[in-house]
Protein backbone atom coordinates (compact mmCIF):
# COMPACT_ATOMS: atom_id res chain seq x y z
CA MET A 1 -15.54 15.85 -19.93
CA PRO A 2 -12.87 12.96 -20.07
CA LEU A 3 -10.29 12.48 -17.10
CA PHE A 4 -6.89 11.09 -17.41
CA ALA A 5 -4.68 9.63 -14.75
CA GLU A 6 -1.07 9.98 -14.96
CA TRP A 7 1.03 6.69 -12.92
CA THR A 8 4.72 8.34 -12.77
CA ARG A 9 3.55 12.22 -12.13
CA ASP A 10 0.77 11.37 -9.39
CA TYR A 11 -2.21 13.30 -10.94
CA VAL A 12 -5.74 13.44 -12.54
CA LYS A 13 -6.53 15.60 -15.63
CA GLY A 14 -9.32 16.88 -17.33
CA PHE A 15 -9.66 17.25 -21.20
CA HIS A 16 -11.84 19.43 -22.55
CA LEU A 17 -12.91 18.49 -26.17
CA ASP A 18 -14.30 20.29 -29.32
CA ARG A 19 -17.22 18.70 -31.59
CA ARG A 20 -14.79 17.09 -33.53
CA ASN A 21 -13.12 15.43 -30.08
CA ARG A 22 -9.85 17.67 -30.52
CA VAL A 23 -8.40 18.53 -27.01
CA THR A 24 -8.94 22.20 -26.73
CA GLN A 25 -7.72 22.66 -22.84
CA ILE A 26 -6.37 20.37 -20.03
CA ASP A 27 -7.30 21.19 -16.33
CA PRO A 28 -6.10 19.72 -12.98
CA VAL A 29 -8.61 17.86 -11.26
CA LEU A 30 -8.38 18.03 -7.40
CA PRO A 31 -4.74 19.50 -7.30
CA GLU A 32 -5.17 19.52 -3.68
CA ILE A 33 -5.13 15.43 -3.71
CA VAL A 34 -2.06 13.18 -4.28
CA PHE A 35 -3.00 10.69 -6.21
CA ASP A 36 -0.48 7.66 -5.44
CA ASN A 37 0.29 5.93 -8.71
CA PRO A 38 -3.29 5.91 -10.06
CA MET A 39 -4.07 2.87 -11.90
CA ASP A 40 -7.66 3.42 -13.04
CA LEU A 41 -10.65 5.37 -12.59
CA GLU A 42 -14.38 5.15 -12.98
CA PHE A 43 -17.47 7.11 -12.05
CA GLY A 44 -19.71 4.43 -10.18
CA PRO A 45 -23.31 4.15 -10.56
CA ASP A 46 -23.70 6.39 -6.96
CA GLY A 47 -21.87 9.34 -8.61
CA ALA A 48 -18.72 8.85 -6.88
CA LEU A 49 -15.23 8.73 -8.78
CA TYR A 50 -13.48 5.61 -7.86
CA VAL A 51 -9.46 5.80 -8.07
CA LEU A 52 -7.23 2.42 -7.77
CA GLU A 53 -3.65 3.67 -6.72
CA TYR A 54 -0.93 1.39 -6.45
CA GLY A 55 0.90 3.29 -4.12
CA ASP A 56 5.00 3.41 -3.86
CA GLY A 57 6.94 0.36 -3.80
CA TYR A 58 7.97 -2.54 -6.23
CA PHE A 59 5.78 -5.32 -6.23
CA SER A 60 5.20 -5.66 -2.57
CA GLU A 61 2.29 -5.08 -0.50
CA ASN A 62 2.15 -1.16 -0.35
CA PRO A 63 0.57 0.22 3.03
CA ASP A 64 -0.50 3.15 0.72
CA ALA A 65 -2.24 1.35 -2.07
CA GLN A 66 -6.11 1.95 -1.94
CA LEU A 67 -9.11 2.12 -3.63
CA ALA A 68 -10.29 5.62 -3.11
CA ARG A 69 -13.69 7.17 -3.11
CA ILE A 70 -14.15 10.99 -3.97
CA ASP A 71 -17.78 12.41 -3.36
CA TYR A 72 -19.04 15.56 -4.63
CA VAL A 73 -21.04 16.99 -1.76
CA ARG A 74 -23.75 19.91 -1.64
CA GLY A 75 -24.25 21.10 1.66
CA ASN A 76 -23.74 18.63 4.62
CA ARG A 77 -20.38 17.31 4.27
CA THR A 78 -19.27 13.39 5.41
CA PRO A 79 -17.35 12.88 8.62
CA ILE A 80 -13.64 11.97 8.26
CA PRO A 81 -12.77 9.06 10.60
CA ARG A 82 -9.41 7.87 12.00
CA VAL A 83 -8.37 4.95 13.62
CA SER A 84 -5.08 3.46 15.44
CA ALA A 85 -4.50 0.17 17.08
CA ASN A 86 -1.86 -0.13 20.07
CA PRO A 87 -0.22 -2.53 19.96
CA GLY A 88 -0.38 -3.24 16.19
CA ASN A 89 0.28 -6.73 16.62
CA GLY A 90 1.21 -9.54 18.86
CA ARG A 91 0.40 -12.95 19.87
CA ALA A 92 -3.11 -14.20 21.27
CA PRO A 93 -4.48 -13.01 23.92
CA LEU A 94 -4.05 -9.86 22.57
CA THR A 95 -5.66 -7.08 24.41
CA VAL A 96 -5.68 -4.16 22.11
CA SER A 97 -6.62 -0.28 22.53
CA PHE A 98 -8.39 1.44 19.81
CA SER A 99 -8.02 5.16 19.32
CA SER A 100 -10.62 7.36 17.05
CA ALA A 101 -8.03 10.44 17.84
CA GLY A 102 -8.09 12.89 14.72
CA THR A 103 -11.69 11.89 13.67
CA ALA A 104 -13.53 14.88 12.85
CA ASP A 105 -16.65 16.31 11.31
CA PRO A 106 -16.21 19.14 8.79
CA ASP A 107 -19.44 20.67 9.70
CA GLY A 108 -19.42 20.13 13.65
CA ASP A 109 -21.81 17.75 13.70
CA ALA A 110 -22.02 15.23 16.86
CA LEU A 111 -20.99 11.81 15.78
CA ARG A 112 -22.13 8.57 16.71
CA TYR A 113 -19.54 5.94 16.67
CA ALA A 114 -19.43 1.93 15.95
CA TRP A 115 -16.60 -0.36 15.82
CA ASP A 116 -16.83 -3.91 14.17
CA PHE A 117 -13.55 -5.61 15.67
CA ASP A 118 -13.78 -9.20 14.07
CA ALA A 119 -15.90 -8.32 10.69
CA ASP A 120 -18.76 -10.19 11.63
CA GLY A 121 -20.89 -7.04 10.60
CA HIS A 122 -22.18 -6.67 14.41
CA VAL A 123 -21.31 -3.65 16.40
CA ASP A 124 -18.92 -4.60 19.07
CA SER A 125 -18.62 -1.01 20.85
CA THR A 126 -19.80 2.45 20.73
CA GLU A 127 -17.28 4.09 22.46
CA PRO A 128 -14.81 6.44 20.93
CA ASP A 129 -11.86 4.80 22.32
CA PRO A 130 -12.60 1.32 23.52
CA SER A 131 -10.45 -1.81 23.86
CA TYR A 132 -10.96 -5.28 22.82
CA THR A 133 -9.04 -8.73 23.37
CA TYR A 134 -8.41 -10.93 20.39
CA THR A 135 -8.22 -14.86 21.81
CA ALA A 136 -7.05 -16.50 18.49
CA ASP A 137 -4.22 -15.86 15.79
CA GLY A 138 -5.82 -14.02 12.62
CA ASP A 139 -5.28 -11.39 10.27
CA TYR A 140 -8.10 -8.82 11.50
CA ARG A 141 -9.49 -5.80 10.07
CA PRO A 142 -11.11 -3.96 12.69
CA VAL A 143 -13.62 -1.05 11.23
CA LEU A 144 -14.71 2.28 12.66
CA LYS A 145 -17.78 3.78 11.36
CA VAL A 146 -18.62 7.33 12.39
CA THR A 147 -22.00 8.52 11.63
CA ASP A 148 -23.08 12.49 11.91
CA SER A 149 -26.32 13.60 12.95
CA THR A 150 -27.62 14.14 9.41
CA GLY A 151 -27.25 10.26 8.92
CA ARG A 152 -23.83 11.11 6.79
CA SER A 153 -21.18 8.00 7.54
CA ALA A 154 -17.91 6.90 6.93
CA SER A 155 -15.39 4.06 7.82
CA ALA A 156 -11.96 3.38 8.42
CA GLU A 157 -9.95 0.32 8.87
CA VAL A 158 -6.60 -0.84 10.34
CA ILE A 159 -4.66 -3.69 9.69
CA LEU A 160 -3.91 -6.01 12.45
CA PRO A 161 -2.01 -9.30 12.13
CA VAL A 162 -2.33 -11.23 15.40
CA GLY A 163 -0.01 -14.22 16.01
CA PRO A 164 3.55 -15.04 14.94
CA LEU A 165 5.20 -12.08 13.97
CA ALA A 166 6.48 -11.07 10.22
CA PRO A 167 9.90 -12.22 9.52
CA GLN A 168 12.40 -9.40 9.26
CA VAL A 169 14.40 -9.64 6.12
CA THR A 170 17.98 -7.53 5.33
CA PHE A 171 20.00 -7.57 2.64
CA VAL A 172 23.65 -7.61 3.82
CA SER A 173 24.55 -7.11 0.12
CA PRO A 174 24.19 -5.42 -2.48
CA VAL A 175 23.67 -2.31 -0.53
CA THR A 176 22.10 1.33 -1.68
CA GLY A 177 24.58 3.57 -3.17
CA GLN A 178 27.35 0.87 -4.08
CA PRO A 179 28.86 0.83 -7.75
CA PHE A 180 26.84 -0.62 -10.05
CA GLU A 181 26.44 -0.68 -14.22
CA PHE A 182 23.98 -2.97 -16.32
CA GLY A 183 25.50 -6.01 -17.43
CA GLN A 184 26.90 -6.88 -14.35
CA THR A 185 26.09 -9.82 -12.55
CA VAL A 186 25.43 -8.75 -8.85
CA SER A 187 26.08 -11.26 -5.83
CA TYR A 188 23.57 -10.84 -3.10
CA ALA A 189 23.23 -12.21 0.57
CA VAL A 190 20.00 -12.05 2.68
CA THR A 191 19.44 -12.75 6.40
CA VAL A 192 16.33 -13.44 8.06
CA ALA A 193 15.14 -13.11 11.65
CA ASP A 194 12.06 -15.13 12.53
CA ASP A 195 10.33 -16.66 15.48
CA THR A 196 9.89 -20.10 13.64
CA PRO A 197 12.65 -21.71 11.96
CA VAL A 198 14.26 -20.09 8.98
CA ASN A 199 14.78 -22.19 5.48
CA CYS A 200 16.67 -20.45 3.34
CA ALA A 201 15.32 -22.29 0.16
CA ASN A 202 12.36 -20.27 0.70
CA VAL A 203 14.04 -17.04 0.15
CA THR A 204 13.56 -15.35 -3.24
CA VAL A 205 15.40 -12.51 -4.32
CA THR A 206 13.64 -10.82 -7.56
CA TYR A 207 15.75 -8.55 -10.30
CA ILE A 208 13.21 -5.81 -11.21
CA LEU A 209 14.07 -3.21 -13.65
CA GLY A 210 13.06 0.20 -12.39
CA HIS A 211 11.52 2.81 -14.78
CA ASP A 212 10.65 5.89 -12.90
CA GLN A 213 8.31 4.98 -10.09
CA HIS A 214 7.30 1.50 -11.29
CA GLY A 215 9.08 -1.70 -12.06
CA HIS A 216 9.31 -4.59 -14.37
CA PRO A 217 10.16 -7.86 -13.13
CA LEU A 218 12.77 -9.59 -15.03
CA SER A 219 14.36 -12.74 -13.18
CA THR A 220 14.37 -14.59 -9.43
CA SER A 221 16.74 -16.38 -8.00
CA SER A 222 16.23 -18.58 -4.66
CA GLY A 223 18.60 -18.78 -1.66
CA CYS A 224 19.98 -16.55 1.16
CA THR A 225 22.80 -16.41 -1.05
CA GLY A 226 23.30 -16.23 -4.67
CA THR A 227 23.96 -14.18 -8.16
CA ILE A 228 21.56 -12.42 -10.50
CA ALA A 229 22.50 -10.95 -13.74
CA THR A 230 21.35 -7.70 -14.42
CA PHE A 231 20.12 -6.56 -17.77
CA VAL A 232 17.71 -3.90 -19.60
CA ASP A 233 15.38 -5.97 -21.75
CA ALA A 234 14.60 -4.72 -25.57
CA GLY A 235 11.30 -2.39 -24.31
CA HIS A 236 13.19 -0.43 -22.41
CA ALA A 237 16.64 -0.12 -24.47
CA GLY A 238 17.76 3.85 -24.67
CA ALA A 239 15.29 4.82 -22.20
CA GLY A 240 16.04 7.06 -19.13
CA ASN A 241 15.87 6.93 -15.24
CA LEU A 242 16.45 3.42 -15.32
CA THR A 243 17.20 1.53 -11.86
CA ALA A 244 18.27 -2.00 -10.83
CA VAL A 245 15.98 -3.36 -7.86
CA PHE A 246 16.24 -6.10 -5.75
CA VAL A 247 13.31 -7.40 -3.88
CA ALA A 248 13.86 -10.05 -1.26
CA SER A 249 10.97 -12.14 0.04
CA TYR A 250 10.33 -14.51 3.01
CA THR A 251 7.06 -16.42 3.96
CA ASP A 252 7.84 -18.29 7.29
CA SER A 253 5.76 -21.49 8.28
CA GLY A 254 3.90 -20.16 11.34
CA THR A 255 -0.05 -19.94 11.77
CA PRO A 256 -0.99 -17.68 10.16
CA ARG A 257 1.91 -17.37 7.55
CA ARG A 258 3.64 -14.18 7.55
CA THR A 259 5.96 -12.52 4.82
CA GLY A 260 8.74 -10.39 5.23
CA THR A 261 10.29 -8.17 2.31
CA ALA A 262 13.31 -6.00 1.74
CA THR A 263 14.26 -3.40 -1.29
CA VAL A 264 17.46 -2.15 -2.21
CA VAL A 265 17.50 0.22 -5.20
CA LEU A 266 20.90 0.59 -7.53
CA THR A 267 21.36 3.45 -9.58
CA PRO A 268 24.07 2.81 -12.48
CA THR A 269 26.95 5.00 -12.30
CA GLY A 270 27.98 4.97 -16.21
């Protein structure tokens, strides 16, 4: 049965076909799961369904973007890991307390814990809630793997930036809700707060034509202040549910370098 993923409606459907490949019925697939802007899906050689999800946002590092694996399980089920870190960022040396709170096994099996704090492939701790000190700056992805008594296992990770904090980017203007019509030239002003000197020449502001829950980047300007002419490209002339999306981005000069972003969405009044 062919599967169809719909980006804007966040679902997957199954198409029933007759002998002539005509659609006879359409059924929801896993309606209890929210597929967050699915981009692609495919069955792997292991029999699992893999779904690539864009997440919410416009050309930014969406925290809810993911490659999801969906298994069909008979009998004993896979444990469900949860992981958190406190603090979630800071400068080295940084001591982090990790938690597996919320980790569970659907069958009530006893669980074994294996933490890899520095992605070297070695188990650093077998405690449910350990701590670890990072002595060097870097972008880390500590991983918790949990295994039940039948050998079924699953992993979860947390993104942990150690070093300078990401810049805080803010739009002074435009602001959400201000009057706007396509064709208008919009003035913008952006502020950046960072723990390294800020160079406004490295600030970019991108104009994106928002359409439903996705967007199409059309032009980019540089600097903390400037103007951007808004327009609707030929491919979207006459389309509904259009917005003007402005995304400001700044990458600092720290080690490792950090990027901060801010987004404003304007809805046309006409």
